[in-house]
Amino acid sequence: QVQLVESGGGLVQAGGSLRLSCAASGRIYGNYAMGWFRQTPGKERVFVASIKRSGGSTDYADSVKGRFTMSRDNAKNTVYLQMNSLQPEDTAVYYCTASPLLMISTVVAGNDYWGQGTQVTVSS
């Protein structure tokens, strides 16, 4: 059983930056693949970024490549999402997810654990 808590969301102007954090707690042993999804009202939750169980390899949605960077601190059981050059279309609730498998699934149902979400709002 793993609990995930996101933080770091807020309101920023277009072109600004935010760093999201996701702290994991509970029955954690070994490494987990970790990821970020986002969701806006009336739309499905979609994949944003992920980091594999080991090795630090990352994947990103085309919409955020070159702007967002995911990283992890295994000692703190925490992952981060550095978001630069934010645009209004990035406005969403951002959710952290975790899986004991090698990598995160880009399908929501393919991942085991989810945080409560943190709101990111980017103004024009």
C-alpha atoms as a PDB file:
ATOM      1  CA  GLN A   1       0.000   0.000   0.000  1.00  0.00           C
ATOM      2  CA  VAL A   2       1.482   3.302  -1.147  1.00  0.00           C
ATOM      3  CA  GLN A   3       0.266   6.827  -0.516  1.00  0.00           C
ATOM      4  CA  LEU A   4       1.212   9.637  -2.887  1.00  0.00           C
ATOM      5  CA  VAL A   5       0.947  13.334  -2.067  1.00  0.00           C
ATOM      6  CA  GLU A   6       1.479  16.028  -4.679  1.00  0.00           C
ATOM      7  CA  SER A   7       2.452  19.605  -3.937  1.00  0.00           C
ATOM      8  CA  GLY A   8       3.785  22.674  -5.695  1.00  0.00           C
ATOM      9  CA  GLY A   9       0.859  23.689  -7.839  1.00  0.00           C
ATOM     10  CA  GLY A  10      -0.336  27.253  -8.092  1.00  0.00           C
ATOM     11  CA  LEU A  11      -1.102  30.199 -10.332  1.00  0.00           C
ATOM     12  CA  VAL A  12       1.522  31.482 -12.758  1.00  0.00           C
ATOM     13  CA  GLN A  13       1.635  33.714 -15.814  1.00  0.00           C
ATOM     14  CA  ALA A  14       2.303  32.308 -19.250  1.00  0.00           C
ATOM     15  CA  GLY A  15       6.020  31.748 -19.691  1.00  0.00           C
ATOM     16  CA  GLY A  16       6.553  31.082 -16.012  1.00  0.00           C
ATOM     17  CA  SER A  17       7.716  27.981 -14.175  1.00  0.00           C
ATOM     18  CA  LEU A  18       6.579  25.665 -11.421  1.00  0.00           C
ATOM     19  CA  ARG A  19       8.064  22.591  -9.822  1.00  0.00           C
ATOM     20  CA  LEU A  20       5.700  19.878  -8.662  1.00  0.00           C
ATOM     21  CA  SER A  21       6.656  17.317  -6.044  1.00  0.00           C
ATOM     22  CA  CYS A  22       5.221  13.897  -5.309  1.00  0.00           C
ATOM     23  CA  ALA A  23       6.158  12.259  -2.024  1.00  0.00           C
ATOM     24  CA  ALA A  24       5.504   8.557  -1.526  1.00  0.00           C
ATOM     25  CA  SER A  25       4.914   6.854   1.799  1.00  0.00           C
ATOM     26  CA  GLY A  26       3.656   3.532   3.103  1.00  0.00           C
ATOM     27  CA  ARG A  27       4.825   0.042   2.233  1.00  0.00           C
ATOM     28  CA  ILE A  28       7.623   1.008  -0.084  1.00  0.00           C
ATOM     29  CA  TYR A  29      10.333  -1.471  -0.930  1.00  0.00           C
ATOM     30  CA  GLY A  30      12.374  -1.640  -4.045  1.00  0.00           C
ATOM     31  CA  ASN A  31      11.917   0.960  -6.752  1.00  0.00           C
ATOM     32  CA  TYR A  32       8.747   2.119  -8.450  1.00  0.00           C
ATOM     33  CA  ALA A  33       8.162   3.558 -11.836  1.00  0.00           C
ATOM     34  CA  MET A  34       6.621   6.994 -11.350  1.00  0.00           C
ATOM     35  CA  GLY A  35       4.640   9.298 -13.568  1.00  0.00           C
ATOM     36  CA  TRP A  36       2.557  12.402 -13.971  1.00  0.00           C
ATOM     37  CA  PHE A  37      -0.832  12.764 -15.620  1.00  0.00           C
ATOM     38  CA  ARG A  38      -3.088  15.779 -15.938  1.00  0.00           C
ATOM     39  CA  GLN A  39      -6.793  16.385 -16.329  1.00  0.00           C
ATOM     40  CA  THR A  40      -9.014  19.350 -17.166  1.00  0.00           C
ATOM     41  CA  PRO A  41     -12.801  19.582 -16.728  1.00  0.00           C
ATOM     42  CA  GLY A  42     -14.662  17.605 -19.352  1.00  0.00           C
ATOM     43  CA  LYS A  43     -11.559  15.785 -20.558  1.00  0.00           C
ATOM     44  CA  GLU A  44      -9.912  12.490 -19.769  1.00  0.00           C
ATOM     45  CA  ARG A  45      -6.818  12.157 -17.645  1.00  0.00           C
ATOM     46  CA  VAL A  46      -3.814  12.055 -19.962  1.00  0.00           C
ATOM     47  CA  PHE A  47      -0.180  11.092 -19.684  1.00  0.00           C
ATOM     48  CA  VAL A  48       2.409  13.813 -19.156  1.00  0.00           C
ATOM     49  CA  ALA A  49       5.708  12.282 -18.057  1.00  0.00           C
ATOM     50  CA  SER A  50       7.229   9.200 -16.462  1.00  0.00           C
ATOM     51  CA  ILE A  51      10.468   7.811 -15.106  1.00  0.00           C
ATOM     52  CA  LYS A  52      11.351   4.133 -15.171  1.00  0.00           C
ATOM     53  CA  ARG A  53      11.806   1.943 -12.121  1.00  0.00           C
ATOM     54  CA  SER A  54      15.581   2.273 -12.344  1.00  0.00           C
ATOM     55  CA  GLY A  55      18.175   4.010 -14.460  1.00  0.00           C
ATOM     56  CA  GLY A  56      16.489   7.396 -14.628  1.00  0.00           C
ATOM     57  CA  SER A  57      15.141   7.021 -18.153  1.00  0.00           C
ATOM     58  CA  THR A  58      12.224   9.373 -18.790  1.00  0.00           C
ATOM     59  CA  ASP A  59       9.395   9.679 -21.285  1.00  0.00           C
ATOM     60  CA  TYR A  60       7.267  12.700 -22.088  1.00  0.00           C
ATOM     61  CA  ALA A  61       4.109  13.499 -23.934  1.00  0.00           C
ATOM     62  CA  ASP A  62       4.783  15.368 -27.160  1.00  0.00           C
ATOM     63  CA  SER A  63       2.931  18.375 -25.795  1.00  0.00           C
ATOM     64  CA  VAL A  64       5.494  18.925 -23.021  1.00  0.00           C
ATOM     65  CA  LYS A  65       8.774  17.734 -24.534  1.00  0.00           C
ATOM     66  CA  GLY A  66      11.475  20.342 -24.176  1.00  0.00           C
ATOM     67  CA  ARG A  67       9.549  22.205 -21.483  1.00  0.00           C
ATOM     68  CA  PHE A  68       8.983  19.704 -18.677  1.00  0.00           C
ATOM     69  CA  THR A  69      11.618  17.621 -16.909  1.00  0.00           C
ATOM     70  CA  MET A  70      10.977  14.758 -14.520  1.00  0.00           C
ATOM     71  CA  SER A  71      13.464  13.612 -11.889  1.00  0.00           C
ATOM     72  CA  ARG A  72      13.566  11.499  -8.754  1.00  0.00           C
ATOM     73  CA  ASP A  73      15.225  11.419  -5.366  1.00  0.00           C
ATOM     74  CA  ASN A  74      15.129   7.799  -4.238  1.00  0.00           C
ATOM     75  CA  ALA A  75      16.436   8.610  -0.762  1.00  0.00           C
ATOM     76  CA  LYS A  76      13.378  10.820  -0.207  1.00  0.00           C
ATOM     77  CA  ASN A  77      10.919   8.630  -2.124  1.00  0.00           C
ATOM     78  CA  THR A  78      10.039  11.750  -4.065  1.00  0.00           C
ATOM     79  CA  VAL A  79       9.732  12.645  -7.721  1.00  0.00           C
ATOM     80  CA  TYR A  80       9.577  16.081  -9.283  1.00  0.00           C
ATOM     81  CA  LEU A  81       8.184  17.676 -12.384  1.00  0.00           C
ATOM     82  CA  GLN A  82       9.941  20.867 -13.405  1.00  0.00           C
ATOM     83  CA  MET A  83       7.618  22.798 -15.694  1.00  0.00           C
ATOM     84  CA  ASN A  84       9.047  25.667 -17.718  1.00  0.00           C
ATOM     85  CA  SER A  85       7.584  27.917 -20.391  1.00  0.00           C
ATOM     86  CA  LEU A  86       4.113  27.220 -19.088  1.00  0.00           C
ATOM     87  CA  GLN A  87       1.186  28.020 -21.349  1.00  0.00           C
ATOM     88  CA  PRO A  88      -2.549  28.340 -20.675  1.00  0.00           C
ATOM     89  CA  GLU A  89      -3.144  24.922 -22.221  1.00  0.00           C
ATOM     90  CA  ASP A  90      -1.054  23.436 -19.401  1.00  0.00           C
ATOM     91  CA  THR A  91      -3.759  24.425 -16.930  1.00  0.00           C
ATOM     92  CA  ALA A  92      -4.992  21.242 -15.273  1.00  0.00           C
ATOM     93  CA  VAL A  93      -5.009  19.166 -12.141  1.00  0.00           C
ATOM     94  CA  TYR A  94      -1.759  17.229 -12.106  1.00  0.00           C
ATOM     95  CA  TYR A  95      -1.729  13.732 -10.643  1.00  0.00           C
ATOM     96  CA  CYS A  96       1.188  11.609  -9.528  1.00  0.00           C
ATOM     97  CA  THR A  97       1.115   7.868 -10.152  1.00  0.00           C
ATOM     98  CA  ALA A  98       3.279   4.884  -9.228  1.00  0.00           C
ATOM     99  CA  SER A  99       3.701   1.314 -10.416  1.00  0.00           C
ATOM    100  CA  PRO A 100       5.934  -1.566  -9.277  1.00  0.00           C
ATOM    101  CA  LEU A 101       6.417  -2.522 -12.916  1.00  0.00           C
ATOM    102  CA  LEU A 102       9.383  -1.480 -15.020  1.00  0.00           C
ATOM    103  CA  MET A 103       7.607   1.528 -16.463  1.00  0.00           C
ATOM    104  CA  ILE A 104       4.460   3.585 -16.151  1.00  0.00           C
ATOM    105  CA  SER A 105       1.586   2.809 -18.460  1.00  0.00           C
ATOM    106  CA  THR A 106       0.230   5.712 -20.476  1.00  0.00           C
ATOM    107  CA  VAL A 107      -3.219   4.263 -19.773  1.00  0.00           C
ATOM    108  CA  VAL A 108      -4.671   5.404 -16.459  1.00  0.00           C
ATOM    109  CA  ALA A 109      -5.964   1.961 -15.479  1.00  0.00           C
ATOM    110  CA  GLY A 110      -2.540   0.453 -16.033  1.00  0.00           C
ATOM    111  CA  ASN A 111      -1.060   2.111 -12.946  1.00  0.00           C
ATOM    112  CA  ASP A 112      -1.611   1.085  -9.332  1.00  0.00           C
ATOM    113  CA  TYR A 113      -1.414   4.181  -7.140  1.00  0.00           C
ATOM    114  CA  TRP A 114      -2.545   7.786  -7.469  1.00  0.00           C
ATOM    115  CA  GLY A 115      -2.227  10.995  -5.517  1.00  0.00           C
ATOM    116  CA  GLN A 116      -4.999  13.494  -4.868  1.00  0.00           C
ATOM    117  CA  GLY A 117      -3.823  15.965  -7.485  1.00  0.00           C
ATOM    118  CA  THR A 118      -2.529  19.514  -7.400  1.00  0.00           C
ATOM    119  CA  GLN A 119      -3.978  22.411  -9.385  1.00  0.00           C
ATOM    120  CA  VAL A 120      -1.838  24.252 -11.905  1.00  0.00           C
ATOM    121  CA  THR A 121      -3.321  27.382 -13.452  1.00  0.00           C
ATOM    122  CA  VAL A 122      -1.536  29.364 -16.147  1.00  0.00           C
ATOM    123  CA  SER A 123      -2.926  32.795 -16.973  1.00  0.00           C
ATOM    124  CA  SER A 124      -2.697  34.483 -20.359  1.00  0.00           C
END
